[in-house]
Amino acid sequence: MSLTVFRKAHFNAAHRLFKKEWDDDKNFKVFGKCSNPNYHGHNYELEIGISGEIDPDTGFLIDLKVLAQIIKEEVEDPFDHKNLNIEVPEFKNTNPTVENIAIVIWNKMRARIDSKYDISVKLYETPRNFVIYNGN
């Protein structure tokens, strides 16, 4: 039997959406107030889904304490209360859109979670704006 378990987390971070090659006027036209040169912040809500088969010995799909620790180490510690553009290496040359943040999180989780599991990342940038990425 295959199923999915989820772990929720959150982090607060600042970012600026912009392309270095464009002037401030063009960045504003494309990204609006999210291109503010002084940055802006979000309270991100995260749901990590792990799908696979239940271990018949433990009754667990995955130990949620272990999953929580991985999320803390790979997402909360490096992203929380950070300026994503400046302090998070993955965004030095990548625009930290909610789409790109979700992909980075998925890649970080994929590196730590056994390949027998499928992973989904649901990331809310605002209560009404979110993205789901599952590696495809």
N, C-alpha and C. Protein backbone atom coordinates (compact mmCIF):
# COMPACT_ATOMS: atom_id res chain seq x y z
N MET A 1 0.84 -1.18 0.00
CA MET A 1 0.00 0.00 0.00
C MET A 1 0.89 1.25 0.00
N SER A 2 0.63 2.12 -0.94
CA SER A 2 1.39 3.37 -1.03
C SER A 2 0.55 4.52 -0.48
N LEU A 3 1.21 5.40 0.25
CA LEU A 3 0.54 6.59 0.76
C LEU A 3 1.54 7.72 0.92
N THR A 4 1.05 8.89 1.33
CA THR A 4 1.89 10.07 1.50
C THR A 4 1.72 10.60 2.91
N VAL A 5 2.84 10.88 3.57
CA VAL A 5 2.82 11.58 4.85
C VAL A 5 3.38 12.99 4.61
N PHE A 6 2.93 13.93 5.43
CA PHE A 6 3.34 15.32 5.27
C PHE A 6 3.90 15.86 6.57
N ARG A 7 4.86 16.75 6.42
CA ARG A 7 5.40 17.50 7.55
C ARG A 7 5.32 18.98 7.17
N LYS A 8 4.75 19.78 8.07
CA LYS A 8 4.64 21.22 7.84
C LYS A 8 5.79 21.94 8.54
N ALA A 9 6.19 23.04 7.96
CA ALA A 9 7.23 23.89 8.54
C ALA A 9 6.99 25.30 8.04
N HIS A 10 7.74 26.24 8.57
CA HIS A 10 7.66 27.61 8.07
C HIS A 10 9.00 28.31 8.25
N PHE A 11 9.16 29.35 7.48
CA PHE A 11 10.33 30.21 7.63
C PHE A 11 9.95 31.60 7.15
N ASN A 12 10.64 32.59 7.66
CA ASN A 12 10.46 33.98 7.28
C ASN A 12 11.72 34.42 6.55
N ALA A 13 11.55 35.04 5.39
CA ALA A 13 12.73 35.43 4.62
C ALA A 13 12.42 36.65 3.76
N ALA A 14 13.48 37.39 3.46
CA ALA A 14 13.39 38.54 2.57
C ALA A 14 13.96 38.16 1.21
N HIS A 15 13.50 38.84 0.18
CA HIS A 15 14.07 38.64 -1.14
C HIS A 15 13.71 39.83 -2.03
N ARG A 16 14.34 39.83 -3.19
CA ARG A 16 14.02 40.80 -4.23
C ARG A 16 13.95 40.04 -5.54
N LEU A 17 12.87 40.23 -6.28
CA LEU A 17 12.74 39.63 -7.60
C LEU A 17 13.24 40.64 -8.62
N PHE A 18 14.28 40.28 -9.34
CA PHE A 18 14.84 41.19 -10.35
C PHE A 18 15.83 40.44 -11.22
N LYS A 19 16.10 41.01 -12.37
CA LYS A 19 17.16 40.54 -13.25
C LYS A 19 18.25 41.60 -13.25
N LYS A 20 19.48 41.20 -12.99
CA LYS A 20 20.60 42.14 -12.92
C LYS A 20 20.79 42.89 -14.23
N GLU A 21 20.46 42.24 -15.34
CA GLU A 21 20.67 42.84 -16.66
C GLU A 21 19.68 43.97 -16.95
N TRP A 22 18.59 44.03 -16.19
CA TRP A 22 17.54 45.03 -16.45
C TRP A 22 17.71 46.22 -15.50
N ASP A 23 17.26 47.39 -15.96
CA ASP A 23 17.25 48.56 -15.08
C ASP A 23 16.06 48.46 -14.12
N ASP A 24 16.03 49.36 -13.13
CA ASP A 24 14.97 49.31 -12.12
C ASP A 24 13.58 49.48 -12.74
N ASP A 25 13.48 50.30 -13.79
CA ASP A 25 12.18 50.54 -14.43
C ASP A 25 11.64 49.24 -15.04
N LYS A 26 12.46 48.53 -15.79
CA LYS A 26 12.01 47.28 -16.40
C LYS A 26 11.71 46.24 -15.33
N ASN A 27 12.55 46.15 -14.30
CA ASN A 27 12.29 45.21 -13.21
C ASN A 27 10.95 45.51 -12.55
N PHE A 28 10.66 46.79 -12.35
CA PHE A 28 9.38 47.15 -11.73
C PHE A 28 8.21 46.77 -12.64
N LYS A 29 8.37 46.98 -13.94
CA LYS A 29 7.30 46.63 -14.88
C LYS A 29 7.00 45.13 -14.86
N VAL A 30 8.03 44.32 -14.71
CA VAL A 30 7.86 42.86 -14.73
C VAL A 30 7.49 42.31 -13.35
N PHE A 31 8.20 42.75 -12.31
CA PHE A 31 8.05 42.15 -10.98
C PHE A 31 7.27 43.01 -9.99
N GLY A 32 6.90 44.23 -10.40
CA GLY A 32 6.13 45.09 -9.52
C GLY A 32 6.87 45.42 -8.24
N LYS A 33 6.10 45.58 -7.16
CA LYS A 33 6.71 45.96 -5.88
C LYS A 33 7.67 44.90 -5.34
N CYS A 34 7.61 43.69 -5.90
CA CYS A 34 8.54 42.63 -5.48
C CYS A 34 9.96 42.91 -5.95
N SER A 35 10.14 43.92 -6.82
CA SER A 35 11.48 44.28 -7.28
C SER A 35 12.10 45.39 -6.44
N ASN A 36 11.49 45.74 -5.33
CA ASN A 36 11.99 46.80 -4.45
C ASN A 36 13.49 46.60 -4.19
N PRO A 37 14.33 47.56 -4.54
CA PRO A 37 15.78 47.43 -4.32
C PRO A 37 16.15 47.21 -2.85
N ASN A 38 15.24 47.57 -1.94
CA ASN A 38 15.52 47.37 -0.51
C ASN A 38 14.92 46.07 0.02
N TYR A 39 14.43 45.22 -0.88
CA TYR A 39 13.91 43.91 -0.53
C TYR A 39 12.54 43.98 0.16
N HIS A 40 11.94 42.84 0.34
CA HIS A 40 10.67 42.70 1.07
C HIS A 40 10.62 41.27 1.59
N GLY A 41 9.69 40.98 2.50
CA GLY A 41 9.69 39.68 3.13
C GLY A 41 8.37 38.94 3.05
N HIS A 42 8.45 37.65 3.34
CA HIS A 42 7.28 36.76 3.37
C HIS A 42 7.39 35.82 4.56
N ASN A 43 6.24 35.37 5.01
CA ASN A 43 6.14 34.29 5.99
C ASN A 43 5.77 33.04 5.21
N TYR A 44 6.77 32.28 4.81
CA TYR A 44 6.56 31.10 3.97
C TYR A 44 6.04 29.94 4.80
N GLU A 45 5.05 29.24 4.25
CA GLU A 45 4.53 28.01 4.86
C GLU A 45 4.89 26.87 3.92
N LEU A 46 5.43 25.80 4.48
CA LEU A 46 5.97 24.69 3.71
C LEU A 46 5.32 23.39 4.12
N GLU A 47 5.00 22.56 3.14
CA GLU A 47 4.55 21.19 3.39
C GLU A 47 5.40 20.27 2.54
N ILE A 48 6.08 19.35 3.20
CA ILE A 48 6.88 18.34 2.51
C ILE A 48 6.10 17.03 2.56
N GLY A 49 5.84 16.46 1.39
CA GLY A 49 5.16 15.17 1.30
C GLY A 49 6.13 14.08 0.90
N ILE A 50 6.08 12.97 1.60
CA ILE A 50 6.90 11.80 1.30
C ILE A 50 5.95 10.66 0.97
N SER A 51 6.09 10.07 -0.22
CA SER A 51 5.22 9.00 -0.66
C SER A 51 6.00 7.72 -0.85
N GLY A 52 5.35 6.63 -0.49
CA GLY A 52 5.99 5.33 -0.67
C GLY A 52 5.21 4.25 0.04
N GLU A 53 5.91 3.16 0.33
CA GLU A 53 5.32 2.00 0.97
C GLU A 53 5.58 2.03 2.48
N ILE A 54 4.60 1.58 3.23
CA ILE A 54 4.74 1.49 4.68
C ILE A 54 5.68 0.34 5.03
N ASP A 55 6.60 0.58 5.93
CA ASP A 55 7.50 -0.46 6.43
C ASP A 55 6.69 -1.42 7.30
N PRO A 56 6.63 -2.71 6.94
CA PRO A 56 5.82 -3.65 7.71
C PRO A 56 6.33 -3.86 9.13
N ASP A 57 7.62 -3.61 9.38
CA ASP A 57 8.17 -3.80 10.72
C ASP A 57 7.81 -2.67 11.67
N THR A 58 7.84 -1.41 11.15
CA THR A 58 7.61 -0.26 12.03
C THR A 58 6.18 0.29 11.92
N GLY A 59 5.54 0.07 10.78
CA GLY A 59 4.25 0.69 10.52
C GLY A 59 4.38 2.13 10.04
N PHE A 60 5.62 2.62 9.92
CA PHE A 60 5.90 3.96 9.43
C PHE A 60 6.17 3.92 7.93
N LEU A 61 5.80 5.00 7.26
CA LEU A 61 6.34 5.23 5.92
C LEU A 61 7.77 5.75 6.08
N ILE A 62 7.91 6.75 6.93
CA ILE A 62 9.20 7.34 7.26
C ILE A 62 9.06 7.89 8.68
N ASP A 63 10.13 7.87 9.43
CA ASP A 63 10.10 8.41 10.78
C ASP A 63 9.96 9.93 10.69
N LEU A 64 8.85 10.47 11.15
CA LEU A 64 8.60 11.92 11.02
C LEU A 64 9.57 12.76 11.84
N LYS A 65 10.15 12.19 12.90
CA LYS A 65 11.19 12.93 13.64
C LYS A 65 12.41 13.13 12.76
N VAL A 66 12.76 12.12 11.99
CA VAL A 66 13.90 12.23 11.07
C VAL A 66 13.58 13.24 9.98
N LEU A 67 12.38 13.18 9.41
CA LEU A 67 11.98 14.14 8.38
C LEU A 67 12.01 15.56 8.93
N ALA A 68 11.51 15.76 10.14
CA ALA A 68 11.52 17.09 10.76
C ALA A 68 12.95 17.61 10.90
N GLN A 69 13.87 16.76 11.27
CA GLN A 69 15.27 17.16 11.44
C GLN A 69 15.89 17.55 10.09
N ILE A 70 15.58 16.79 9.05
CA ILE A 70 16.10 17.11 7.73
C ILE A 70 15.57 18.46 7.26
N ILE A 71 14.28 18.70 7.44
CA ILE A 71 13.69 19.99 7.07
C ILE A 71 14.36 21.12 7.84
N LYS A 72 14.58 20.92 9.12
CA LYS A 72 15.25 21.95 9.93
C LYS A 72 16.64 22.26 9.38
N GLU A 73 17.41 21.21 9.09
CA GLU A 73 18.79 21.40 8.64
C GLU A 73 18.88 21.95 7.22
N GLU A 74 17.97 21.53 6.33
CA GLU A 74 18.07 21.89 4.92
C GLU A 74 17.27 23.13 4.53
N VAL A 75 16.24 23.47 5.32
CA VAL A 75 15.38 24.59 4.95
C VAL A 75 15.32 25.65 6.05
N GLU A 76 14.87 25.27 7.22
CA GLU A 76 14.65 26.27 8.27
C GLU A 76 15.94 26.96 8.69
N ASP A 77 16.98 26.20 8.99
CA ASP A 77 18.23 26.83 9.43
C ASP A 77 18.85 27.72 8.34
N PRO A 78 18.96 27.26 7.10
CA PRO A 78 19.60 28.13 6.10
C PRO A 78 18.73 29.25 5.53
N PHE A 79 17.38 29.14 5.63
CA PHE A 79 16.50 30.14 5.01
C PHE A 79 15.86 31.10 6.01
N ASP A 80 15.59 30.66 7.23
CA ASP A 80 14.79 31.45 8.16
C ASP A 80 15.51 32.73 8.58
N HIS A 81 14.78 33.84 8.46
CA HIS A 81 15.28 35.18 8.80
C HIS A 81 16.56 35.53 8.03
N LYS A 82 16.54 35.12 6.75
CA LYS A 82 17.67 35.42 5.88
C LYS A 82 17.18 36.25 4.70
N ASN A 83 18.12 36.95 4.08
CA ASN A 83 17.87 37.59 2.79
C ASN A 83 18.28 36.54 1.75
N LEU A 84 17.31 35.98 1.06
CA LEU A 84 17.58 34.87 0.15
C LEU A 84 18.58 35.25 -0.94
N ASN A 85 18.46 36.47 -1.49
CA ASN A 85 19.35 36.91 -2.56
C ASN A 85 20.81 36.97 -2.10
N ILE A 86 21.02 37.35 -0.86
CA ILE A 86 22.37 37.64 -0.38
C ILE A 86 22.96 36.51 0.45
N GLU A 87 22.14 35.88 1.28
CA GLU A 87 22.67 34.93 2.27
C GLU A 87 22.52 33.45 1.92
N VAL A 88 21.76 33.14 0.89
CA VAL A 88 21.53 31.73 0.53
C VAL A 88 22.23 31.46 -0.80
N PRO A 89 23.28 30.63 -0.79
CA PRO A 89 24.10 30.44 -1.99
C PRO A 89 23.32 30.03 -3.23
N GLU A 90 22.28 29.24 -3.06
CA GLU A 90 21.50 28.77 -4.22
C GLU A 90 20.84 29.91 -5.00
N PHE A 91 20.72 31.09 -4.38
CA PHE A 91 20.05 32.21 -5.04
C PHE A 91 21.01 33.33 -5.43
N LYS A 92 22.29 33.08 -5.38
CA LYS A 92 23.26 34.10 -5.79
C LYS A 92 23.05 34.47 -7.26
N ASN A 93 22.68 33.47 -8.09
CA ASN A 93 22.48 33.72 -9.51
C ASN A 93 21.12 33.22 -10.00
N THR A 94 20.22 32.94 -9.08
CA THR A 94 18.87 32.47 -9.42
C THR A 94 17.85 33.37 -8.74
N ASN A 95 16.89 33.87 -9.49
CA ASN A 95 15.86 34.74 -8.95
C ASN A 95 15.03 33.94 -7.93
N PRO A 96 14.93 34.40 -6.68
CA PRO A 96 14.24 33.62 -5.64
C PRO A 96 12.71 33.76 -5.69
N THR A 97 12.15 33.38 -6.84
CA THR A 97 10.69 33.31 -6.95
C THR A 97 10.20 32.13 -6.11
N VAL A 98 8.93 32.11 -5.81
CA VAL A 98 8.39 30.97 -5.04
C VAL A 98 8.62 29.68 -5.82
N GLU A 99 8.56 29.75 -7.15
CA GLU A 99 8.81 28.57 -7.97
C GLU A 99 10.23 28.06 -7.77
N ASN A 100 11.20 28.97 -7.87
CA ASN A 100 12.60 28.56 -7.72
C ASN A 100 12.93 28.13 -6.30
N ILE A 101 12.32 28.76 -5.31
CA ILE A 101 12.55 28.35 -3.92
C ILE A 101 12.06 26.92 -3.73
N ALA A 102 10.88 26.59 -4.26
CA ALA A 102 10.34 25.23 -4.13
C ALA A 102 11.26 24.21 -4.79
N ILE A 103 11.81 24.54 -5.95
CA ILE A 103 12.72 23.62 -6.63
C ILE A 103 13.99 23.42 -5.82
N VAL A 104 14.54 24.49 -5.28
CA VAL A 104 15.74 24.37 -4.44
C VAL A 104 15.46 23.49 -3.22
N ILE A 105 14.32 23.70 -2.58
CA ILE A 105 13.96 22.88 -1.42
C ILE A 105 13.83 21.42 -1.83
N TRP A 106 13.16 21.16 -2.94
CA TRP A 106 12.99 19.78 -3.41
C TRP A 106 14.36 19.13 -3.64
N ASN A 107 15.27 19.84 -4.29
CA ASN A 107 16.61 19.30 -4.55
C ASN A 107 17.36 19.00 -3.25
N LYS A 108 17.22 19.89 -2.27
CA LYS A 108 17.88 19.67 -0.98
C LYS A 108 17.29 18.44 -0.28
N MET A 109 15.97 18.29 -0.37
CA MET A 109 15.31 17.13 0.24
C MET A 109 15.70 15.84 -0.50
N ARG A 110 15.73 15.92 -1.81
CA ARG A 110 16.06 14.74 -2.62
C ARG A 110 17.46 14.21 -2.26
N ALA A 111 18.37 15.12 -1.97
CA ALA A 111 19.73 14.71 -1.60
C ALA A 111 19.79 13.99 -0.26
N ARG A 112 18.77 14.17 0.58
CA ARG A 112 18.77 13.59 1.93
C ARG A 112 17.79 12.44 2.13
N ILE A 113 16.81 12.32 1.24
CA ILE A 113 15.74 11.33 1.41
C ILE A 113 16.00 10.16 0.45
N ASP A 114 15.88 8.95 0.97
CA ASP A 114 16.09 7.73 0.19
C ASP A 114 15.30 7.79 -1.12
N SER A 115 15.93 7.37 -2.22
CA SER A 115 15.31 7.44 -3.54
C SER A 115 14.10 6.53 -3.70
N LYS A 116 13.85 5.63 -2.75
CA LYS A 116 12.66 4.79 -2.84
C LYS A 116 11.38 5.60 -2.58
N TYR A 117 11.55 6.81 -2.05
CA TYR A 117 10.41 7.68 -1.77
C TYR A 117 10.25 8.75 -2.85
N ASP A 118 9.02 9.13 -3.14
CA ASP A 118 8.73 10.31 -3.94
C ASP A 118 8.57 11.48 -2.98
N ILE A 119 8.93 12.67 -3.46
CA ILE A 119 8.89 13.88 -2.62
C ILE A 119 8.06 14.93 -3.32
N SER A 120 7.22 15.62 -2.55
CA SER A 120 6.52 16.79 -3.06
C SER A 120 6.77 17.95 -2.11
N VAL A 121 6.88 19.12 -2.70
CA VAL A 121 7.07 20.37 -1.95
C VAL A 121 5.90 21.28 -2.27
N LYS A 122 5.18 21.68 -1.24
CA LYS A 122 4.11 22.67 -1.38
C LYS A 122 4.56 23.88 -0.58
N LEU A 123 4.76 24.99 -1.27
CA LEU A 123 5.30 26.19 -0.63
C LEU A 123 4.36 27.35 -0.83
N TYR A 124 3.87 27.90 0.28
CA TYR A 124 3.01 29.08 0.26
C TYR A 124 3.88 30.31 0.47
N GLU A 125 3.81 31.25 -0.48
CA GLU A 125 4.47 32.54 -0.30
C GLU A 125 3.54 33.50 0.44
N THR A 126 2.25 33.40 0.14
CA THR A 126 1.20 34.12 0.84
C THR A 126 0.07 33.11 1.06
N PRO A 127 -0.92 33.45 1.86
CA PRO A 127 -2.02 32.50 2.04
C PRO A 127 -2.75 32.13 0.75
N ARG A 128 -2.64 32.98 -0.28
CA ARG A 128 -3.34 32.70 -1.53
C ARG A 128 -2.42 32.31 -2.69
N ASN A 129 -1.12 32.45 -2.52
CA ASN A 129 -0.17 32.13 -3.60
C ASN A 129 0.76 31.02 -3.15
N PHE A 130 0.71 29.90 -3.89
CA PHE A 130 1.57 28.78 -3.55
C PHE A 130 1.93 27.99 -4.79
N VAL A 131 2.92 27.15 -4.65
CA VAL A 131 3.40 26.29 -5.73
C VAL A 131 3.58 24.87 -5.18
N ILE A 132 3.38 23.90 -6.04
CA ILE A 132 3.64 22.49 -5.71
C ILE A 132 4.65 21.97 -6.72
N TYR A 133 5.72 21.37 -6.20
CA TYR A 133 6.75 20.79 -7.08
C TYR A 133 7.06 19.38 -6.62
N ASN A 134 7.08 18.45 -7.58
CA ASN A 134 7.37 17.06 -7.24
C ASN A 134 8.52 16.48 -8.03
N GLY A 135 9.35 17.34 -8.60
CA GLY A 135 10.52 16.87 -9.30
C GLY A 135 10.34 16.65 -10.79
N ASN A 136 9.15 16.87 -11.29
CA ASN A 136 8.89 16.67 -12.73
C ASN A 136 8.86 17.98 -13.47
